[in-house]
Amino acid sequence: MNMRDHPVFVGNNVYDVMCNIKDHLESRIKGIKEIIVKINMVSAREELSMTPKIAIEETLEFIFNELNYGGKVIILEGSAVGGDTFSGYRNLNVTELVDKYDLELFDIHDDEYYYIRVFDSKFNEFELPISKRMVKKKFLISICRAKTHDTVIVTLSLKNVAVGGIVGRNNRPKIHQGYKAINFNIAILSAVMFPDLAIVDGRIGMQGNGPVAGYPKRWGYVFIGFNPVNVDSIVARGMGFDPKRIGYIYYLSRLGFGRVENIEVRGVALSSISSNFEPHYLFREQLKWKLPSNKEELMLDKCNRIIIDFYTKHSIPDPRG
C-alpha cells in the first residue's frame, strides 16, 4: 500500500482500535529491538496538556500483552514549561509503569543531537538541534491528546514529534518565527522525525487557549493510523477545522507525506465524529500563514531539498519511498 493511502482507524479506546491493525503492526515491529514512544507533556504540571496516562497504558498493554513484544520500549519527552521532564513523568504517574513493563523513561533534553536547517521570519536558514534517538529510531509511536494551539491551530501527532524532538528547552521557542515560517519549520521537523504510528486520544481533548491554558472538551474518540498526516487531517476535521487551512499539515501533504482529503476512515462514519472545538482566541491571526503561490512553490522546493539532504547525510530512509 502506498503510504499516502493508509486509512485512519477510529474507536473509543486505544486497545480496541489497535486490534484492527494487529497483523500489520506485528509485521512492522518484527525483529525490532527498541520501540520509541513519544508522549506529549508541554507542561510538567498541567495534566490536561499531557498525553492521557490511560492512552499510554492501553498502548503498552497491547504491545506487551497482545503482541508479546520482547524488546525494549522507551518513553521519551522533554517538558517545555512547569518543571523538569521527570517531575512531569511523576505528575502523570508514568513512573509507576516502569515497574509493570520493561520501560525506560528518557528526557529528550539529555539526548545527543543532529542539526537540521529551518527558517527564520525572513526565510533565512538557521540550524536547530534535534533528538538523535528520534531521528535514528526503528519504530516511533507518537501518542498525544487532541488539543488546540496558540500558533498553528491544532497540535496533534505531527507537532508532538516536530517541536518535542528539539533538544534544549531554550531552543524550542526558536521555531516561532511568525505564522508563515513556523508552518514550514514544523513540516520539515515532522518529515525528519516522521512517526511510524500515530495515536491521538480525543476522549477528553483540550479546546480554547491550548496547548496549556485551554479547557476540557469531551469527545470520546481515539484515532490511530500508520500515516500521521492522514491521522492528523481526520482529527483536525473532526475537531471542526479544515486541515487544508492548517499550514504544516497542508505543506506535508504537498510534499507527498500524506493527504488532507480523500482519506479512508474505518470504524465509524466521518460524519458521526464531527465536533466543534472552540479555537484559540488568536485563531483568525493563525490563518495568515499562506504565501502567494509562486513563493509557496519556491519554499516547498527548499523544504524538500533540506529534508532529502538530511535523509542522505544521516542514512535515513525516505518514508515516501
C-alpha atoms as a PDB file:
ATOM      1  CA  MET A   1       0.000   0.000   0.000  1.00  0.00           C
ATOM      2  CA  ASN A   2       1.229   3.493  -0.853  1.00  0.00           C
ATOM      3  CA  MET A   3       1.965   5.306   2.415  1.00  0.00           C
ATOM      4  CA  ARG A   4      -0.371   8.150   1.373  1.00  0.00           C
ATOM      5  CA  ASP A   5      -3.275   5.694   1.202  1.00  0.00           C
ATOM      6  CA  HIS A   6      -3.130   4.390   4.777  1.00  0.00           C
ATOM      7  CA  PRO A   7      -6.583   4.530   6.430  1.00  0.00           C
ATOM      8  CA  VAL A   8      -7.369   6.040   9.815  1.00  0.00           C
ATOM      9  CA  PHE A   9      -8.953   3.785  12.432  1.00  0.00           C
ATOM     10  CA  VAL A  10     -11.378   5.284  14.931  1.00  0.00           C
ATOM     11  CA  GLY A  11     -12.912   3.889  18.100  1.00  0.00           C
ATOM     12  CA  ASN A  12     -13.484   4.523  21.772  1.00  0.00           C
ATOM     13  CA  ASN A  13     -10.232   3.249  23.298  1.00  0.00           C
ATOM     14  CA  VAL A  14      -6.669   2.642  22.173  1.00  0.00           C
ATOM     15  CA  TYR A  15      -6.545  -1.105  22.821  1.00  0.00           C
ATOM     16  CA  ASP A  16      -9.652  -1.947  20.796  1.00  0.00           C
ATOM     17  CA  VAL A  17      -8.650   0.277  17.882  1.00  0.00           C
ATOM     18  CA  MET A  18      -5.178  -1.279  17.805  1.00  0.00           C
ATOM     19  CA  CYS A  19      -6.799  -4.696  17.420  1.00  0.00           C
ATOM     20  CA  ASN A  20      -7.769  -3.540  13.918  1.00  0.00           C
ATOM     21  CA  ILE A  21      -4.125  -3.094  12.958  1.00  0.00           C
ATOM     22  CA  LYS A  22      -2.689  -6.042  14.885  1.00  0.00           C
ATOM     23  CA  ASP A  23      -1.383  -8.051  11.928  1.00  0.00           C
ATOM     24  CA  HIS A  24       0.151  -5.039  10.201  1.00  0.00           C
ATOM     25  CA  LEU A  25       1.682  -3.744  13.421  1.00  0.00           C
ATOM     26  CA  GLU A  26       3.048  -7.170  14.287  1.00  0.00           C
ATOM     27  CA  SER A  27       4.791  -7.376  10.932  1.00  0.00           C
ATOM     28  CA  ARG A  28       6.153  -3.839  11.262  1.00  0.00           C
ATOM     29  CA  ILE A  29       7.814  -4.414  14.648  1.00  0.00           C
ATOM     30  CA  LYS A  30       9.031  -7.960  13.962  1.00  0.00           C
ATOM     31  CA  GLY A  31      12.739  -8.109  14.718  1.00  0.00           C
ATOM     32  CA  ILE A  32      12.853  -4.562  16.071  1.00  0.00           C
ATOM     33  CA  LYS A  33      14.618  -4.457  19.428  1.00  0.00           C
ATOM     34  CA  GLU A  34      13.514  -0.982  20.505  1.00  0.00           C
ATOM     35  CA  ILE A  35      10.266   0.980  20.197  1.00  0.00           C
ATOM     36  CA  ILE A  36      10.232   4.709  20.922  1.00  0.00           C
ATOM     37  CA  VAL A  37       7.004   6.114  22.393  1.00  0.00           C
ATOM     38  CA  LYS A  38       6.944   9.916  22.160  1.00  0.00           C
ATOM     39  CA  ILE A  39       4.387  11.289  24.590  1.00  0.00           C
ATOM     40  CA  ASN A  40       3.318  14.921  24.882  1.00  0.00           C
ATOM     41  CA  MET A  41       3.935  16.925  28.030  1.00  0.00           C
ATOM     42  CA  VAL A  42       4.071  20.634  27.210  1.00  0.00           C
ATOM     43  CA  SER A  43       3.678  21.493  30.879  1.00  0.00           C
ATOM     44  CA  ALA A  44       5.099  19.258  33.582  1.00  0.00           C
ATOM     45  CA  ARG A  45       2.269  20.393  35.885  1.00  0.00           C
ATOM     46  CA  GLU A  46      -0.913  20.703  33.809  1.00  0.00           C
ATOM     47  CA  GLU A  47      -2.334  17.204  33.273  1.00  0.00           C
ATOM     48  CA  LEU A  48      -4.708  18.337  30.509  1.00  0.00           C
ATOM     49  CA  SER A  49      -1.675  19.440  28.467  1.00  0.00           C
ATOM     50  CA  MET A  50      -0.246  15.912  28.626  1.00  0.00           C
ATOM     51  CA  THR A  51      -0.879  12.658  26.799  1.00  0.00           C
ATOM     52  CA  PRO A  52      -3.545  10.898  28.894  1.00  0.00           C
ATOM     53  CA  LYS A  53      -1.996   8.211  31.073  1.00  0.00           C
ATOM     54  CA  ILE A  54      -4.755   5.771  30.107  1.00  0.00           C
ATOM     55  CA  ALA A  55      -3.769   6.065  26.446  1.00  0.00           C
ATOM     56  CA  ILE A  56      -0.145   5.259  27.315  1.00  0.00           C
ATOM     57  CA  GLU A  57      -1.225   2.266  29.426  1.00  0.00           C
ATOM     58  CA  GLU A  58      -3.530   0.891  26.725  1.00  0.00           C
ATOM     59  CA  THR A  59      -0.748   1.211  24.146  1.00  0.00           C
ATOM     60  CA  LEU A  60       1.779  -0.595  26.354  1.00  0.00           C
ATOM     61  CA  GLU A  61      -0.726  -3.287  27.285  1.00  0.00           C
ATOM     62  CA  PHE A  62      -1.357  -4.009  23.627  1.00  0.00           C
ATOM     63  CA  ILE A  63       2.346  -4.037  22.694  1.00  0.00           C
ATOM     64  CA  PHE A  64       3.433  -6.307  25.522  1.00  0.00           C
ATOM     65  CA  ASN A  65       0.382  -8.499  26.106  1.00  0.00           C
ATOM     66  CA  GLU A  66      -1.363  -8.712  22.731  1.00  0.00           C
ATOM     67  CA  LEU A  67       1.738  -8.667  20.542  1.00  0.00           C
ATOM     68  CA  ASN A  68       4.015 -10.348  23.111  1.00  0.00           C
ATOM     69  CA  TYR A  69       6.718  -7.853  22.239  1.00  0.00           C
ATOM     70  CA  GLY A  70      10.044  -8.899  23.745  1.00  0.00           C
ATOM     71  CA  GLY A  71      12.113  -5.809  23.036  1.00  0.00           C
ATOM     72  CA  LYS A  72      12.655  -2.561  24.876  1.00  0.00           C
ATOM     73  CA  VAL A  73      10.224   0.361  24.985  1.00  0.00           C
ATOM     74  CA  ILE A  74      11.497   3.869  25.660  1.00  0.00           C
ATOM     75  CA  ILE A  75       9.062   6.622  26.649  1.00  0.00           C
ATOM     76  CA  LEU A  76      10.574   9.977  25.899  1.00  0.00           C
ATOM     77  CA  GLU A  77       9.635  13.642  26.143  1.00  0.00           C
ATOM     78  CA  GLY A  78      11.207  16.933  27.142  1.00  0.00           C
ATOM     79  CA  SER A  79       8.938  19.295  29.025  1.00  0.00           C
ATOM     80  CA  ALA A  80       8.730  22.915  27.897  1.00  0.00           C
ATOM     81  CA  VAL A  81       7.329  24.640  30.995  1.00  0.00           C
ATOM     82  CA  GLY A  82       6.161  23.892  34.526  1.00  0.00           C
ATOM     83  CA  GLY A  83       9.138  21.904  35.780  1.00  0.00           C
ATOM     84  CA  ASP A  84      11.656  19.374  34.560  1.00  0.00           C
ATOM     85  CA  THR A  85      10.754  16.340  32.479  1.00  0.00           C
ATOM     86  CA  PHE A  86      10.996  13.781  35.271  1.00  0.00           C
ATOM     87  CA  SER A  87       8.763  15.828  37.570  1.00  0.00           C
ATOM     88  CA  GLY A  88       6.251  15.704  34.733  1.00  0.00           C
ATOM     89  CA  TYR A  89       6.642  11.933  34.467  1.00  0.00           C
ATOM     90  CA  ARG A  90       5.934  11.706  38.195  1.00  0.00           C
ATOM     91  CA  ASN A  91       2.936  14.049  37.994  1.00  0.00           C
ATOM     92  CA  LEU A  92       1.469  11.947  35.180  1.00  0.00           C
ATOM     93  CA  ASN A  93       2.235   8.767  37.164  1.00  0.00           C
ATOM     94  CA  VAL A  94       4.033   7.114  34.251  1.00  0.00           C
ATOM     95  CA  THR A  95       6.908   6.306  36.619  1.00  0.00           C
ATOM     96  CA  GLU A  96       4.790   3.501  38.071  1.00  0.00           C
ATOM     97  CA  LEU A  97       4.617   1.866  34.630  1.00  0.00           C
ATOM     98  CA  VAL A  98       8.371   1.246  34.708  1.00  0.00           C
ATOM     99  CA  ASP A  99       7.853  -1.495  37.285  1.00  0.00           C
ATOM    100  CA  LYS A 100       4.965  -3.031  35.351  1.00  0.00           C
ATOM    101  CA  TYR A 101       6.689  -3.164  31.962  1.00  0.00           C
ATOM    102  CA  ASP A 102      10.266  -3.221  30.700  1.00  0.00           C
ATOM    103  CA  LEU A 103      10.423   0.543  30.189  1.00  0.00           C
ATOM    104  CA  GLU A 104      12.947   3.311  30.133  1.00  0.00           C
ATOM    105  CA  LEU A 105      11.941   6.928  30.755  1.00  0.00           C
ATOM    106  CA  PHE A 106      14.134   9.385  28.896  1.00  0.00           C
ATOM    107  CA  ASP A 107      14.489  13.176  28.799  1.00  0.00           C
ATOM    108  CA  ILE A 108      14.954  14.414  25.227  1.00  0.00           C
ATOM    109  CA  HIS A 109      16.903  17.392  26.519  1.00  0.00           C
ATOM    110  CA  ASP A 110      19.638  14.936  27.574  1.00  0.00           C
ATOM    111  CA  ASP A 111      19.890  13.341  24.144  1.00  0.00           C
ATOM    112  CA  GLU A 112      22.659  13.592  21.572  1.00  0.00           C
ATOM    113  CA  TYR A 113      21.545  15.558  18.563  1.00  0.00           C
ATOM    114  CA  TYR A 114      21.801  16.296  14.873  1.00  0.00           C
ATOM    115  CA  TYR A 115      21.367  19.737  13.354  1.00  0.00           C
ATOM    116  CA  ILE A 116      18.537  20.461  10.917  1.00  0.00           C
ATOM    117  CA  ARG A 117      18.076  23.590   8.839  1.00  0.00           C
ATOM    118  CA  VAL A 118      14.874  25.628   9.358  1.00  0.00           C
ATOM    119  CA  PHE A 119      13.773  29.183   8.588  1.00  0.00           C
ATOM    120  CA  ASP A 120      13.663  32.500  10.414  1.00  0.00           C
ATOM    121  CA  SER A 121      10.916  35.066   9.891  1.00  0.00           C
ATOM    122  CA  LYS A 122      12.599  36.312   6.672  1.00  0.00           C
ATOM    123  CA  PHE A 123      13.099  32.737   5.418  1.00  0.00           C
ATOM    124  CA  ASN A 124      16.835  32.749   6.022  1.00  0.00           C
ATOM    125  CA  GLU A 125      18.076  29.333   7.108  1.00  0.00           C
ATOM    126  CA  PHE A 126      19.463  28.532  10.559  1.00  0.00           C
ATOM    127  CA  GLU A 127      20.096  25.297  12.451  1.00  0.00           C
ATOM    128  CA  LEU A 128      18.330  23.608  15.362  1.00  0.00           C
ATOM    129  CA  PRO A 129      19.442  20.524  17.329  1.00  0.00           C
ATOM    130  CA  ILE A 130      17.027  17.571  17.203  1.00  0.00           C
ATOM    131  CA  SER A 131      16.946  14.266  19.058  1.00  0.00           C
ATOM    132  CA  LYS A 132      19.280  11.620  17.641  1.00  0.00           C
ATOM    133  CA  ARG A 133      17.141   8.873  19.167  1.00  0.00           C
ATOM    134  CA  MET A 134      14.049  10.111  17.354  1.00  0.00           C
ATOM    135  CA  VAL A 135      15.859  10.523  14.059  1.00  0.00           C
ATOM    136  CA  LYS A 136      17.532   7.097  14.156  1.00  0.00           C
ATOM    137  CA  LYS A 137      14.520   5.242  15.577  1.00  0.00           C
ATOM    138  CA  LYS A 138      13.478   1.873  14.196  1.00  0.00           C
ATOM    139  CA  PHE A 139       9.834   2.349  15.183  1.00  0.00           C
ATOM    140  CA  LEU A 140       8.410   5.600  16.569  1.00  0.00           C
ATOM    141  CA  ILE A 141       4.939   5.946  18.075  1.00  0.00           C
ATOM    142  CA  SER A 142       3.606   9.465  18.556  1.00  0.00           C
ATOM    143  CA  ILE A 143       0.821   9.496  21.145  1.00  0.00           C
ATOM    144  CA  CYS A 144      -0.891  12.666  22.292  1.00  0.00           C
ATOM    145  CA  ARG A 145      -4.122  14.370  23.283  1.00  0.00           C
ATOM    146  CA  ALA A 146      -6.204  16.285  20.710  1.00  0.00           C
ATOM    147  CA  LYS A 147      -5.597  19.952  21.507  1.00  0.00           C
ATOM    148  CA  THR A 148      -5.972  23.407  20.051  1.00  0.00           C
ATOM    149  CA  HIS A 149      -2.863  25.571  19.758  1.00  0.00           C
ATOM    150  CA  ASP A 150      -1.816  29.179  20.190  1.00  0.00           C
ATOM    151  CA  THR A 151       0.088  29.465  16.885  1.00  0.00           C
ATOM    152  CA  VAL A 152      -0.769  26.663  14.417  1.00  0.00           C
ATOM    153  CA  ILE A 153      -4.456  25.966  15.223  1.00  0.00           C
ATOM    154  CA  VAL A 154      -4.049  22.345  16.427  1.00  0.00           C
ATOM    155  CA  THR A 155      -1.309  20.242  17.981  1.00  0.00           C
ATOM    156  CA  LEU A 156      -1.590  16.528  17.237  1.00  0.00           C
ATOM    157  CA  SER A 157       0.738  13.618  16.403  1.00  0.00           C
ATOM    158  CA  LEU A 158       2.968  15.530  13.966  1.00  0.00           C
ATOM    159  CA  LYS A 159       3.628  18.579  16.093  1.00  0.00           C
ATOM    160  CA  ASN A 160       4.226  16.281  19.059  1.00  0.00           C
ATOM    161  CA  VAL A 161       7.384  14.969  17.367  1.00  0.00           C
ATOM    162  CA  ALA A 162       8.324  18.125  15.470  1.00  0.00           C
ATOM    163  CA  VAL A 163       8.630  20.521  18.396  1.00  0.00           C
ATOM    164  CA  GLY A 164       9.003  17.803  21.029  1.00  0.00           C
ATOM    165  CA  GLY A 165      12.053  16.470  19.216  1.00  0.00           C
ATOM    166  CA  ILE A 166      14.017  19.709  19.603  1.00  0.00           C
ATOM    167  CA  VAL A 167      16.813  19.267  22.142  1.00  0.00           C
ATOM    168  CA  GLY A 168      17.180  22.014  24.757  1.00  0.00           C
ATOM    169  CA  ARG A 169      14.358  23.976  26.344  1.00  0.00           C
ATOM    170  CA  ASN A 170      15.829  27.258  25.163  1.00  0.00           C
ATOM    171  CA  ASN A 171      15.832  26.024  21.567  1.00  0.00           C
ATOM    172  CA  ARG A 172      12.098  25.281  21.381  1.00  0.00           C
ATOM    173  CA  PRO A 173      10.994  28.927  21.022  1.00  0.00           C
ATOM    174  CA  LYS A 174      13.364  29.426  18.084  1.00  0.00           C
ATOM    175  CA  ILE A 175      10.948  27.784  15.645  1.00  0.00           C
ATOM    176  CA  HIS A 176       8.418  30.546  16.414  1.00  0.00           C
ATOM    177  CA  GLN A 177       9.301  32.831  13.515  1.00  0.00           C
ATOM    178  CA  GLY A 178       5.834  34.104  12.678  1.00  0.00           C
ATOM    179  CA  TYR A 179       2.822  32.289  11.259  1.00  0.00           C
ATOM    180  CA  LYS A 180       4.341  31.847   7.801  1.00  0.00           C
ATOM    181  CA  ALA A 181       7.741  30.412   8.742  1.00  0.00           C
ATOM    182  CA  ILE A 182       6.677  28.212  11.658  1.00  0.00           C
ATOM    183  CA  ASN A 183       4.435  26.075   9.477  1.00  0.00           C
ATOM    184  CA  PHE A 184       7.327  25.305   7.113  1.00  0.00           C
ATOM    185  CA  ASN A 185       9.537  24.588  10.129  1.00  0.00           C
ATOM    186  CA  ILE A 186       7.078  22.123  11.653  1.00  0.00           C
ATOM    187  CA  ALA A 187       6.706  20.409   8.277  1.00  0.00           C
ATOM    188  CA  ILE A 188      10.488  19.942   7.992  1.00  0.00           C
ATOM    189  CA  LEU A 189      10.862  18.702  11.558  1.00  0.00           C
ATOM    190  CA  SER A 190       7.926  16.297  11.170  1.00  0.00           C
ATOM    191  CA  ALA A 191       9.417  14.875   7.984  1.00  0.00           C
ATOM    192  CA  VAL A 192      12.813  14.069   9.535  1.00  0.00           C
ATOM    193  CA  MET A 193      11.256  12.551  12.677  1.00  0.00           C
ATOM    194  CA  PHE A 194       8.259  11.020  10.924  1.00  0.00           C
ATOM    195  CA  PRO A 195       6.223   8.725  13.219  1.00  0.00           C
ATOM    196  CA  ASP A 196       5.641   5.132  12.201  1.00  0.00           C
ATOM    197  CA  LEU A 197       2.370   5.054  14.146  1.00  0.00           C
ATOM    198  CA  ALA A 198       0.171   7.963  15.211  1.00  0.00           C
ATOM    199  CA  ILE A 199      -2.247   7.767  18.141  1.00  0.00           C
ATOM    200  CA  VAL A 200      -4.420  10.755  19.011  1.00  0.00           C
ATOM    201  CA  ASP A 201      -6.633  10.482  22.088  1.00  0.00           C
ATOM    202  CA  GLY A 202      -9.662  12.716  21.756  1.00  0.00           C
ATOM    203  CA  ARG A 203     -11.747  11.151  24.503  1.00  0.00           C
ATOM    204  CA  ILE A 204     -11.117  14.289  26.508  1.00  0.00           C
ATOM    205  CA  GLY A 205      -9.365  16.889  24.373  1.00  0.00           C
ATOM    206  CA  MET A 206      -8.359  20.465  25.030  1.00  0.00           C
ATOM    207  CA  GLN A 207     -10.153  23.373  23.419  1.00  0.00           C
ATOM    208  CA  GLY A 208      -9.839  27.141  23.719  1.00  0.00           C
ATOM    209  CA  ASN A 209      -6.426  28.566  24.511  1.00  0.00           C
ATOM    210  CA  GLY A 210      -4.321  25.447  24.133  1.00  0.00           C
ATOM    211  CA  PRO A 211      -1.825  23.868  24.288  1.00  0.00           C
ATOM    212  CA  VAL A 212      -1.668  24.545  28.053  1.00  0.00           C
ATOM    213  CA  ALA A 213      -4.310  27.059  29.120  1.00  0.00           C
ATOM    214  CA  GLY A 214      -7.372  25.544  27.422  1.00  0.00           C
ATOM    215  CA  TYR A 215     -10.237  23.633  28.982  1.00  0.00           C
ATOM    216  CA  PRO A 216     -11.622  20.111  28.529  1.00  0.00           C
ATOM    217  CA  LYS A 217     -13.644  19.013  25.532  1.00  0.00           C
ATOM    218  CA  ARG A 218     -15.401  15.652  25.941  1.00  0.00           C
ATOM    219  CA  TRP A 219     -15.381  13.991  22.550  1.00  0.00           C
ATOM    220  CA  GLY A 220     -14.999  10.257  23.111  1.00  0.00           C
ATOM    221  CA  TYR A 221     -12.866   9.114  20.159  1.00  0.00           C
ATOM    222  CA  VAL A 222      -9.403   7.672  19.607  1.00  0.00           C
ATOM    223  CA  PHE A 223      -7.653   7.899  16.212  1.00  0.00           C
ATOM    224  CA  ILE A 224      -4.847   5.592  15.055  1.00  0.00           C
ATOM    225  CA  GLY A 225      -3.010   5.090  11.794  1.00  0.00           C
ATOM    226  CA  PHE A 226       0.318   4.389  10.119  1.00  0.00           C
ATOM    227  CA  ASN A 227       0.341   7.769   8.365  1.00  0.00           C
ATOM    228  CA  PRO A 228       0.370  10.695  10.831  1.00  0.00           C
ATOM    229  CA  VAL A 229      -0.570  13.248   8.169  1.00  0.00           C
ATOM    230  CA  ASN A 230      -3.745  11.309   7.403  1.00  0.00           C
ATOM    231  CA  VAL A 231      -4.478  10.808  11.110  1.00  0.00           C
ATOM    232  CA  ASP A 232      -4.000  14.486  11.960  1.00  0.00           C
ATOM    233  CA  SER A 233      -6.096  15.542   8.963  1.00  0.00           C
ATOM    234  CA  ILE A 234      -9.025  13.412  10.108  1.00  0.00           C
ATOM    235  CA  VAL A 235      -8.664  14.515  13.743  1.00  0.00           C
ATOM    236  CA  ALA A 236      -8.493  18.181  12.746  1.00  0.00           C
ATOM    237  CA  ARG A 237     -11.576  17.818  10.553  1.00  0.00           C
ATOM    238  CA  GLY A 238     -13.400  16.052  13.374  1.00  0.00           C
ATOM    239  CA  MET A 239     -12.459  18.888  15.731  1.00  0.00           C
ATOM    240  CA  GLY A 240     -14.108  21.321  13.333  1.00  0.00           C
ATOM    241  CA  PHE A 241     -11.034  22.619  11.446  1.00  0.00           C
ATOM    242  CA  ASP A 242     -10.233  22.282   7.745  1.00  0.00           C
ATOM    243  CA  PRO A 243      -6.835  20.533   7.503  1.00  0.00           C
ATOM    244  CA  LYS A 244      -6.125  22.418   4.258  1.00  0.00           C
ATOM    245  CA  ARG A 245      -6.110  25.592   6.381  1.00  0.00           C
ATOM    246  CA  ILE A 246      -3.565  24.198   8.859  1.00  0.00           C
ATOM    247  CA  GLY A 247      -0.250  25.179   7.321  1.00  0.00           C
ATOM    248  CA  TYR A 248       2.125  22.410   8.342  1.00  0.00           C
ATOM    249  CA  ILE A 249      -0.380  19.636   7.573  1.00  0.00           C
ATOM    250  CA  TYR A 250      -1.119  21.189   4.178  1.00  0.00           C
ATOM    251  CA  TYR A 251       2.612  21.524   3.401  1.00  0.00           C
ATOM    252  CA  LEU A 252       3.340  17.916   4.354  1.00  0.00           C
ATOM    253  CA  SER A 253       0.561  16.810   2.005  1.00  0.00           C
ATOM    254  CA  ARG A 254       2.080  18.952  -0.765  1.00  0.00           C
ATOM    255  CA  LEU A 255       5.464  17.355  -0.071  1.00  0.00           C
ATOM    256  CA  GLY A 256       3.977  13.890  -0.560  1.00  0.00           C
ATOM    257  CA  PHE A 257       3.860  12.659   3.036  1.00  0.00           C
ATOM    258  CA  GLY A 258       0.100  12.158   3.238  1.00  0.00           C
ATOM    259  CA  ARG A 259      -3.331  13.533   2.450  1.00  0.00           C
ATOM    260  CA  VAL A 260      -5.637  16.257   3.690  1.00  0.00           C
ATOM    261  CA  GLU A 261      -8.698  14.856   1.934  1.00  0.00           C
ATOM    262  CA  ASN A 262      -9.973  11.613   0.381  1.00  0.00           C
ATOM    263  CA  ILE A 263      -8.756   9.631   3.395  1.00  0.00           C
ATOM    264  CA  GLU A 264     -10.353   6.307   4.241  1.00  0.00           C
ATOM    265  CA  VAL A 265     -11.813   6.179   7.764  1.00  0.00           C
ATOM    266  CA  ARG A 266     -12.615   2.827   9.366  1.00  0.00           C
ATOM    267  CA  GLY A 267     -14.634   2.105  12.493  1.00  0.00           C
ATOM    268  CA  VAL A 268     -17.094   4.987  12.307  1.00  0.00           C
ATOM    269  CA  ALA A 269     -18.630   7.267   9.724  1.00  0.00           C
ATOM    270  CA  LEU A 270     -16.709  10.533   9.409  1.00  0.00           C
ATOM    271  CA  SER A 271     -19.936  12.471   9.845  1.00  0.00           C
ATOM    272  CA  SER A 272     -20.564  10.824  13.221  1.00  0.00           C
ATOM    273  CA  ILE A 273     -17.366  12.163  14.794  1.00  0.00           C
ATOM    274  CA  SER A 274     -17.903  15.789  13.804  1.00  0.00           C
ATOM    275  CA  SER A 275     -17.419  18.117  16.720  1.00  0.00           C
ATOM    276  CA  ASN A 276     -16.796  21.805  17.324  1.00  0.00           C
ATOM    277  CA  PHE A 277     -13.718  22.532  19.419  1.00  0.00           C
ATOM    278  CA  GLU A 278     -13.506  26.161  20.460  1.00  0.00           C
ATOM    279  CA  PRO A 279     -10.366  27.552  18.770  1.00  0.00           C
ATOM    280  CA  HIS A 280      -7.676  29.653  20.386  1.00  0.00           C
ATOM    281  CA  TYR A 281      -8.627  33.320  20.644  1.00  0.00           C
ATOM    282  CA  LEU A 282      -5.915  34.092  18.049  1.00  0.00           C
ATOM    283  CA  PHE A 283      -7.413  31.661  15.538  1.00  0.00           C
ATOM    284  CA  ARG A 284      -8.083  34.304  12.863  1.00  0.00           C
ATOM    285  CA  GLU A 285      -4.490  35.509  13.085  1.00  0.00           C
ATOM    286  CA  GLN A 286      -3.201  31.934  12.863  1.00  0.00           C
ATOM    287  CA  LEU A 287      -4.819  31.562   9.442  1.00  0.00           C
ATOM    288  CA  LYS A 288      -2.423  34.154   7.982  1.00  0.00           C
ATOM    289  CA  TRP A 289       0.255  31.603   7.093  1.00  0.00           C
ATOM    290  CA  LYS A 290      -0.414  31.273   3.361  1.00  0.00           C
ATOM    291  CA  LEU A 291       2.096  32.595   0.832  1.00  0.00           C
ATOM    292  CA  PRO A 292       1.475  33.633  -2.795  1.00  0.00           C
ATOM    293  CA  SER A 293       1.528  30.519  -4.979  1.00  0.00           C
ATOM    294  CA  ASN A 294       4.885  31.275  -6.650  1.00  0.00           C
ATOM    295  CA  LYS A 295       6.561  31.889  -3.271  1.00  0.00           C
ATOM    296  CA  GLU A 296       4.921  28.761  -1.838  1.00  0.00           C
ATOM    297  CA  GLU A 297       6.374  26.612  -4.623  1.00  0.00           C
ATOM    298  CA  LEU A 298       9.852  28.021  -4.041  1.00  0.00           C
ATOM    299  CA  MET A 299       9.621  27.412  -0.302  1.00  0.00           C
ATOM    300  CA  LEU A 300       8.318  23.870  -0.745  1.00  0.00           C
ATOM    301  CA  ASP A 301      11.250  23.160  -3.056  1.00  0.00           C
ATOM    302  CA  LYS A 302      13.645  24.469  -0.370  1.00  0.00           C
ATOM    303  CA  CYS A 303      11.930  22.343   2.274  1.00  0.00           C
ATOM    304  CA  ASN A 304      12.172  19.233   0.141  1.00  0.00           C
ATOM    305  CA  ARG A 305      15.877  19.807  -0.500  1.00  0.00           C
ATOM    306  CA  ILE A 306      16.523  20.296   3.234  1.00  0.00           C
ATOM    307  CA  ILE A 307      14.635  17.084   4.026  1.00  0.00           C
ATOM    308  CA  ILE A 308      16.354  14.993   1.340  1.00  0.00           C
ATOM    309  CA  ASP A 309      19.787  16.367   2.273  1.00  0.00           C
ATOM    310  CA  PHE A 310      19.148  15.380   5.900  1.00  0.00           C
ATOM    311  CA  TYR A 311      17.957  11.890   4.923  1.00  0.00           C
ATOM    312  CA  THR A 312      21.056  11.399   2.773  1.00  0.00           C
ATOM    313  CA  LYS A 313      23.541  12.725   5.333  1.00  0.00           C
ATOM    314  CA  HIS A 314      22.193  10.542   8.154  1.00  0.00           C
ATOM    315  CA  SER A 315      21.199   7.475   6.085  1.00  0.00           C
ATOM    316  CA  ILE A 316      17.504   7.846   6.863  1.00  0.00           C
ATOM    317  CA  PRO A 317      15.036   6.019   4.555  1.00  0.00           C
ATOM    318  CA  ASP A 318      12.594   8.380   2.894  1.00  0.00           C
ATOM    319  CA  PRO A 319       9.108   7.289   4.112  1.00  0.00           C
ATOM    320  CA  ARG A 320       7.683   8.419   0.779  1.00  0.00           C
ATOM    321  CA  GLY A 321       9.546   5.552  -0.882  1.00  0.00           C
END
